[in-house]
Protein backbone atom coordinates (compact mmCIF):
# COMPACT_ATOMS: atom_id res chain seq x y z
CA UNK A 1 0.00 0.00 0.00
CA UNK A 2 1.30 3.47 -0.88
CA UNK A 3 0.51 6.11 1.73
CA UNK A 4 -0.06 9.72 0.63
CA UNK A 5 2.60 12.26 1.59
CA UNK A 6 1.83 14.52 4.52
CA UNK A 7 1.44 18.17 3.64
CA UNK A 8 -0.47 20.59 1.48
CA UNK A 9 -0.40 20.97 -2.29
CA UNK A 10 0.82 24.28 -3.72
CA UNK A 11 -0.37 23.44 -7.24
CA UNK A 12 -3.09 26.13 -7.16
CA UNK A 13 -0.40 28.79 -6.59
CA UNK A 14 1.78 27.34 -9.36
CA UNK A 15 -1.14 27.53 -11.79
CA UNK A 16 -1.99 31.13 -10.79
CA UNK A 17 -5.12 30.27 -8.81
CA UNK A 18 -6.13 31.61 -5.41
CA UNK A 19 -4.20 29.91 -2.60
CA UNK A 20 -3.38 30.97 0.93
CA UNK A 21 -1.72 29.42 3.91
CA UNK A 22 -1.46 30.73 7.48
CA UNK A 23 1.55 28.56 8.40
CA UNK A 24 5.06 29.13 6.98
CA UNK A 25 6.54 26.87 4.30
CA UNK A 26 9.97 25.32 4.98
CA UNK A 27 12.29 23.52 2.57
CA UNK A 28 15.85 22.28 2.29
CA UNK A 29 17.83 20.93 -0.66
CA UNK A 30 21.53 20.12 -0.91
CA UNK A 31 22.32 22.06 2.28
CA UNK A 32 20.50 25.21 1.16
CA UNK A 33 17.40 26.07 3.14
CA UNK A 34 14.55 28.57 3.21
CA UNK A 35 11.38 29.49 5.04
CA UNK A 36 8.57 31.55 3.54
CA UNK A 37 5.52 33.17 5.13
CA UNK A 38 3.37 35.40 2.96
CA UNK A 39 5.60 37.82 1.04
CA UNK A 40 8.59 37.24 3.39
CA UNK A 41 11.36 34.69 2.74
CA UNK A 42 14.52 33.81 4.70
CA UNK A 43 17.29 31.87 2.96
CA UNK A 44 20.58 30.31 3.98
CA UNK A 45 23.14 28.97 1.51
CA UNK A 46 24.88 25.93 3.00
CA UNK A 47 26.05 26.95 6.50
CA UNK A 48 25.89 30.74 5.94
CA UNK A 49 23.79 33.07 8.06
CA UNK A 50 20.06 33.47 7.36
CA UNK A 51 19.28 36.39 5.01
PDB file of N, CA and C in Angstrom:
ATOM      1  N   UNK A   1       0.842  -1.184   0.000  1.00  0.00           N
ATOM      2  CA  UNK A   1       0.000   0.000   0.000  1.00  0.00           C
ATOM      3  C   UNK A   1       0.886   1.247   0.000  1.00  0.00           C
ATOM      4  N   UNK A   2       0.575   2.199  -0.822  1.00  0.00           N
ATOM      5  CA  UNK A   2       1.297   3.471  -0.882  1.00  0.00           C
ATOM      6  C   UNK A   2       0.506   4.498  -0.087  1.00  0.00           C
ATOM      7  N   UNK A   3       1.166   5.104   0.890  1.00  0.00           N
ATOM      8  CA  UNK A   3       0.514   6.110   1.725  1.00  0.00           C
ATOM      9  C   UNK A   3       0.754   7.494   1.130  1.00  0.00           C
ATOM     10  N   UNK A   4      -0.246   8.367   1.152  1.00  0.00           N
ATOM     11  CA  UNK A   4      -0.061   9.722   0.625  1.00  0.00           C
ATOM     12  C   UNK A   4       0.938  10.503   1.491  1.00  0.00           C
ATOM     13  N   UNK A   5       1.659  11.411   0.861  1.00  0.00           N
ATOM     14  CA  UNK A   5       2.597  12.257   1.587  1.00  0.00           C
ATOM     15  C   UNK A   5       1.845  13.240   2.479  1.00  0.00           C
ATOM     16  N   UNK A   6       2.407  13.514   3.630  1.00  0.00           N
ATOM     17  CA  UNK A   6       1.830  14.521   4.520  1.00  0.00           C
ATOM     18  C   UNK A   6       2.112  15.897   3.945  1.00  0.00           C
ATOM     19  N   UNK A   7       1.198  16.810   4.092  1.00  0.00           N
ATOM     20  CA  UNK A   7       1.441  18.174   3.638  1.00  0.00           C
ATOM     21  C   UNK A   7       0.279  18.750   2.865  1.00  0.00           C
ATOM     22  N   UNK A   8       0.550  19.846   2.205  1.00  0.00           N
ATOM     23  CA  UNK A   8      -0.471  20.593   1.479  1.00  0.00           C
ATOM     24  C   UNK A   8       0.039  20.907   0.080  1.00  0.00           C
ATOM     25  N   UNK A   9      -0.791  20.716  -0.912  1.00  0.00           N
ATOM     26  CA  UNK A   9      -0.401  20.972  -2.291  1.00  0.00           C
ATOM     27  C   UNK A   9      -0.327  22.473  -2.567  1.00  0.00           C
ATOM     28  N   UNK A  10       0.712  22.878  -3.297  1.00  0.00           N
ATOM     29  CA  UNK A  10       0.820  24.282  -3.722  1.00  0.00           C
ATOM     30  C   UNK A  10       0.510  24.424  -5.216  1.00  0.00           C
ATOM     31  N   UNK A  11      -0.040  23.376  -5.813  1.00  0.00           N
ATOM     32  CA  UNK A  11      -0.371  23.439  -7.240  1.00  0.00           C
ATOM     33  C   UNK A  11      -1.281  24.612  -7.610  1.00  0.00           C
ATOM     34  N   UNK A  12      -2.289  24.959  -6.794  1.00  0.00           N
ATOM     35  CA  UNK A  12      -3.093  26.129  -7.162  1.00  0.00           C
ATOM     36  C   UNK A  12      -2.244  27.389  -7.340  1.00  0.00           C
ATOM     37  N   UNK A  13      -1.266  27.613  -6.470  1.00  0.00           N
ATOM     38  CA  UNK A  13      -0.399  28.792  -6.591  1.00  0.00           C
ATOM     39  C   UNK A  13       0.458  28.711  -7.843  1.00  0.00           C
ATOM     40  N   UNK A  14       0.946  27.524  -8.162  1.00  0.00           N
ATOM     41  CA  UNK A  14       1.777  27.345  -9.358  1.00  0.00           C
ATOM     42  C   UNK A  14       0.982  27.660 -10.619  1.00  0.00           C
ATOM     43  N   UNK A  15      -0.292  27.292 -10.623  1.00  0.00           N
ATOM     44  CA  UNK A  15      -1.138  27.530 -11.793  1.00  0.00           C
ATOM     45  C   UNK A  15      -1.858  28.879 -11.757  1.00  0.00           C
ATOM     46  N   UNK A  16      -1.449  29.771 -10.830  1.00  0.00           N
ATOM     47  CA  UNK A  16      -1.985  31.129 -10.791  1.00  0.00           C
ATOM     48  C   UNK A  16      -3.370  31.241 -10.189  1.00  0.00           C
ATOM     49  N   UNK A  17      -3.802  30.232  -9.448  1.00  0.00           N
ATOM     50  CA  UNK A  17      -5.121  30.274  -8.811  1.00  0.00           C
ATOM     51  C   UNK A  17      -4.984  30.763  -7.378  1.00  0.00           C
ATOM     52  N   UNK A  18      -6.104  31.125  -6.789  1.00  0.00           N
ATOM     53  CA  UNK A  18      -6.126  31.605  -5.413  1.00  0.00           C
ATOM     54  C   UNK A  18      -5.657  30.513  -4.463  1.00  0.00           C
ATOM     55  N   UNK A  19      -4.711  30.853  -3.581  1.00  0.00           N
ATOM     56  CA  UNK A  19      -4.196  29.911  -2.599  1.00  0.00           C
ATOM     57  C   UNK A  19      -3.636  30.698  -1.436  1.00  0.00           C
ATOM     58  N   UNK A  20      -3.938  30.295  -0.239  1.00  0.00           N
ATOM     59  CA  UNK A  20      -3.382  30.973   0.931  1.00  0.00           C
ATOM     60  C   UNK A  20      -3.042  29.933   1.996  1.00  0.00           C
ATOM     61  N   UNK A  21      -2.157  30.322   2.854  1.00  0.00           N
ATOM     62  CA  UNK A  21      -1.722  29.423   3.912  1.00  0.00           C
ATOM     63  C   UNK A  21      -1.325  30.290   5.095  1.00  0.00           C
ATOM     64  N   UNK A  22      -1.797  29.941   6.292  1.00  0.00           N
ATOM     65  CA  UNK A  22      -1.458  30.729   7.480  1.00  0.00           C
ATOM     66  C   UNK A  22      -0.130  30.301   8.088  1.00  0.00           C
ATOM     67  N   UNK A  23       0.296  29.060   7.848  1.00  0.00           N
ATOM     68  CA  UNK A  23       1.554  28.561   8.398  1.00  0.00           C
ATOM     69  C   UNK A  23       2.686  28.790   7.401  1.00  0.00           C
ATOM     70  N   UNK A  24       3.923  28.963   7.897  1.00  0.00           N
ATOM     71  CA  UNK A  24       5.056  29.129   6.978  1.00  0.00           C
ATOM     72  C   UNK A  24       5.370  27.846   6.218  1.00  0.00           C
ATOM     73  N   UNK A  25       6.077  27.994   5.109  1.00  0.00           N
ATOM     74  CA  UNK A  25       6.537  26.866   4.302  1.00  0.00           C
ATOM     75  C   UNK A  25       8.047  26.759   4.494  1.00  0.00           C
ATOM     76  N   UNK A  26       8.540  25.561   4.778  1.00  0.00           N
ATOM     77  CA  UNK A  26       9.970  25.320   4.978  1.00  0.00           C
ATOM     78  C   UNK A  26      10.458  24.349   3.931  1.00  0.00           C
ATOM     79  N   UNK A  27      11.702  24.525   3.454  1.00  0.00           N
ATOM     80  CA  UNK A  27      12.293  23.520   2.575  1.00  0.00           C
ATOM     81  C   UNK A  27      13.805  23.555   2.673  1.00  0.00           C
ATOM     82  N   UNK A  28      14.405  22.432   2.280  1.00  0.00           N
ATOM     83  CA  UNK A  28      15.851  22.281   2.286  1.00  0.00           C
ATOM     84  C   UNK A  28      16.237  21.398   1.117  1.00  0.00           C
ATOM     85  N   UNK A  29      17.326  21.751   0.449  1.00  0.00           N
ATOM     86  CA  UNK A  29      17.833  20.934  -0.656  1.00  0.00           C
ATOM     87  C   UNK A  29      19.327  21.156  -0.773  1.00  0.00           C
ATOM     88  N   UNK A  30      20.079  20.095  -0.734  1.00  0.00           N
ATOM     89  CA  UNK A  30      21.532  20.124  -0.910  1.00  0.00           C
ATOM     90  C   UNK A  30      22.214  21.100   0.055  1.00  0.00           C
ATOM     91  N   UNK A  31      21.717  21.178   1.280  1.00  0.00           N
ATOM     92  CA  UNK A  31      22.319  22.055   2.282  1.00  0.00           C
ATOM     93  C   UNK A  31      21.807  23.481   2.273  1.00  0.00           C
ATOM     94  N   UNK A  32      21.108  23.885   1.225  1.00  0.00           N
ATOM     95  CA  UNK A  32      20.499  25.210   1.160  1.00  0.00           C
ATOM     96  C   UNK A  32      19.116  25.104   1.781  1.00  0.00           C
ATOM     97  N   UNK A  33      18.697  26.147   2.483  1.00  0.00           N
ATOM     98  CA  UNK A  33      17.404  26.073   3.140  1.00  0.00           C
ATOM     99  C   UNK A  33      16.685  27.417   3.077  1.00  0.00           C
ATOM    100  N   UNK A  34      15.353  27.349   3.255  1.00  0.00           N
ATOM    101  CA  UNK A  34      14.547  28.570   3.210  1.00  0.00           C
ATOM    102  C   UNK A  34      13.260  28.373   3.992  1.00  0.00           C
ATOM    103  N   UNK A  35      12.697  29.468   4.408  1.00  0.00           N
ATOM    104  CA  UNK A  35      11.384  29.486   5.036  1.00  0.00           C
ATOM    105  C   UNK A  35      10.639  30.680   4.452  1.00  0.00           C
ATOM    106  N   UNK A  36       9.369  30.486   4.145  1.00  0.00           N
ATOM    107  CA  UNK A  36       8.571  31.553   3.542  1.00  0.00           C
ATOM    108  C   UNK A  36       7.237  31.657   4.258  1.00  0.00           C
ATOM    109  N   UNK A  37       6.840  32.894   4.563  1.00  0.00           N
ATOM    110  CA  UNK A  37       5.516  33.171   5.125  1.00  0.00           C
ATOM    111  C   UNK A  37       4.994  34.430   4.458  1.00  0.00           C
ATOM    112  N   UNK A  38       3.917  34.270   3.697  1.00  0.00           N
ATOM    113  CA  UNK A  38       3.369  35.401   2.958  1.00  0.00           C
ATOM    114  C   UNK A  38       4.382  35.924   1.959  1.00  0.00           C
ATOM    115  N   UNK A  39       4.640  37.228   1.987  1.00  0.00           N
ATOM    116  CA  UNK A  39       5.596  37.816   1.043  1.00  0.00           C
ATOM    117  C   UNK A  39       7.032  37.774   1.564  1.00  0.00           C
ATOM    118  N   UNK A  40       7.262  37.264   2.771  1.00  0.00           N
ATOM    119  CA  UNK A  40       8.586  37.236   3.388  1.00  0.00           C
ATOM    120  C   UNK A  40       9.264  35.891   3.184  1.00  0.00           C
ATOM    121  N   UNK A  41      10.587  35.923   2.916  1.00  0.00           N
ATOM    122  CA  UNK A  41      11.357  34.694   2.737  1.00  0.00           C
ATOM    123  C   UNK A  41      12.740  34.867   3.363  1.00  0.00           C
ATOM    124  N   UNK A  42      13.158  33.873   4.166  1.00  0.00           N
ATOM    125  CA  UNK A  42      14.516  33.805   4.703  1.00  0.00           C
ATOM    126  C   UNK A  42      15.242  32.680   3.983  1.00  0.00           C
ATOM    127  N   UNK A  43      16.503  32.905   3.637  1.00  0.00           N
ATOM    128  CA  UNK A  43      17.289  31.871   2.962  1.00  0.00           C
ATOM    129  C   UNK A  43      18.651  31.739   3.626  1.00  0.00           C
ATOM    130  N   UNK A  44      19.233  30.562   3.496  1.00  0.00           N
ATOM    131  CA  UNK A  44      20.585  30.309   3.977  1.00  0.00           C
ATOM    132  C   UNK A  44      21.254  29.363   3.001  1.00  0.00           C
ATOM    133  N   UNK A  45      22.382  29.789   2.450  1.00  0.00           N
ATOM    134  CA  UNK A  45      23.145  28.967   1.515  1.00  0.00           C
ATOM    135  C   UNK A  45      24.151  28.158   2.335  1.00  0.00           C
ATOM    136  N   UNK A  46      24.025  26.846   2.239  1.00  0.00           N
ATOM    137  CA  UNK A  46      24.882  25.926   3.004  1.00  0.00           C
ATOM    138  C   UNK A  46      24.874  26.315   4.483  1.00  0.00           C
ATOM    139  N   UNK A  47      26.010  26.622   5.065  1.00  0.00           N
ATOM    140  CA  UNK A  47      26.050  26.951   6.496  1.00  0.00           C
ATOM    141  C   UNK A  47      26.147  28.452   6.760  1.00  0.00           C
ATOM    142  N   UNK A  48      25.853  29.281   5.755  1.00  0.00           N
ATOM    143  CA  UNK A  48      25.888  30.744   5.936  1.00  0.00           C
ATOM    144  C   UNK A  48      24.751  31.204   6.851  1.00  0.00           C
ATOM    145  N   UNK A  49      24.829  32.461   7.245  1.00  0.00           N
ATOM    146  CA  UNK A  49      23.792  33.068   8.063  1.00  0.00           C
ATOM    147  C   UNK A  49      22.476  33.175   7.275  1.00  0.00           C
ATOM    148  N   UNK A  50      21.359  33.246   7.996  1.00  0.00           N
ATOM    149  CA  UNK A  50      20.058  33.468   7.357  1.00  0.00           C
ATOM    150  C   UNK A  50      20.025  34.889   6.814  1.00  0.00           C
ATOM    151  N   UNK A  51      19.438  35.049   5.622  1.00  0.00           N
ATOM    152  CA  UNK A  51      19.275  36.389   5.015  1.00  0.00           C
ATOM    153  C   UNK A  51      17.810  36.622   4.737  1.00  0.00           C
TER     154      UNK A  51
END
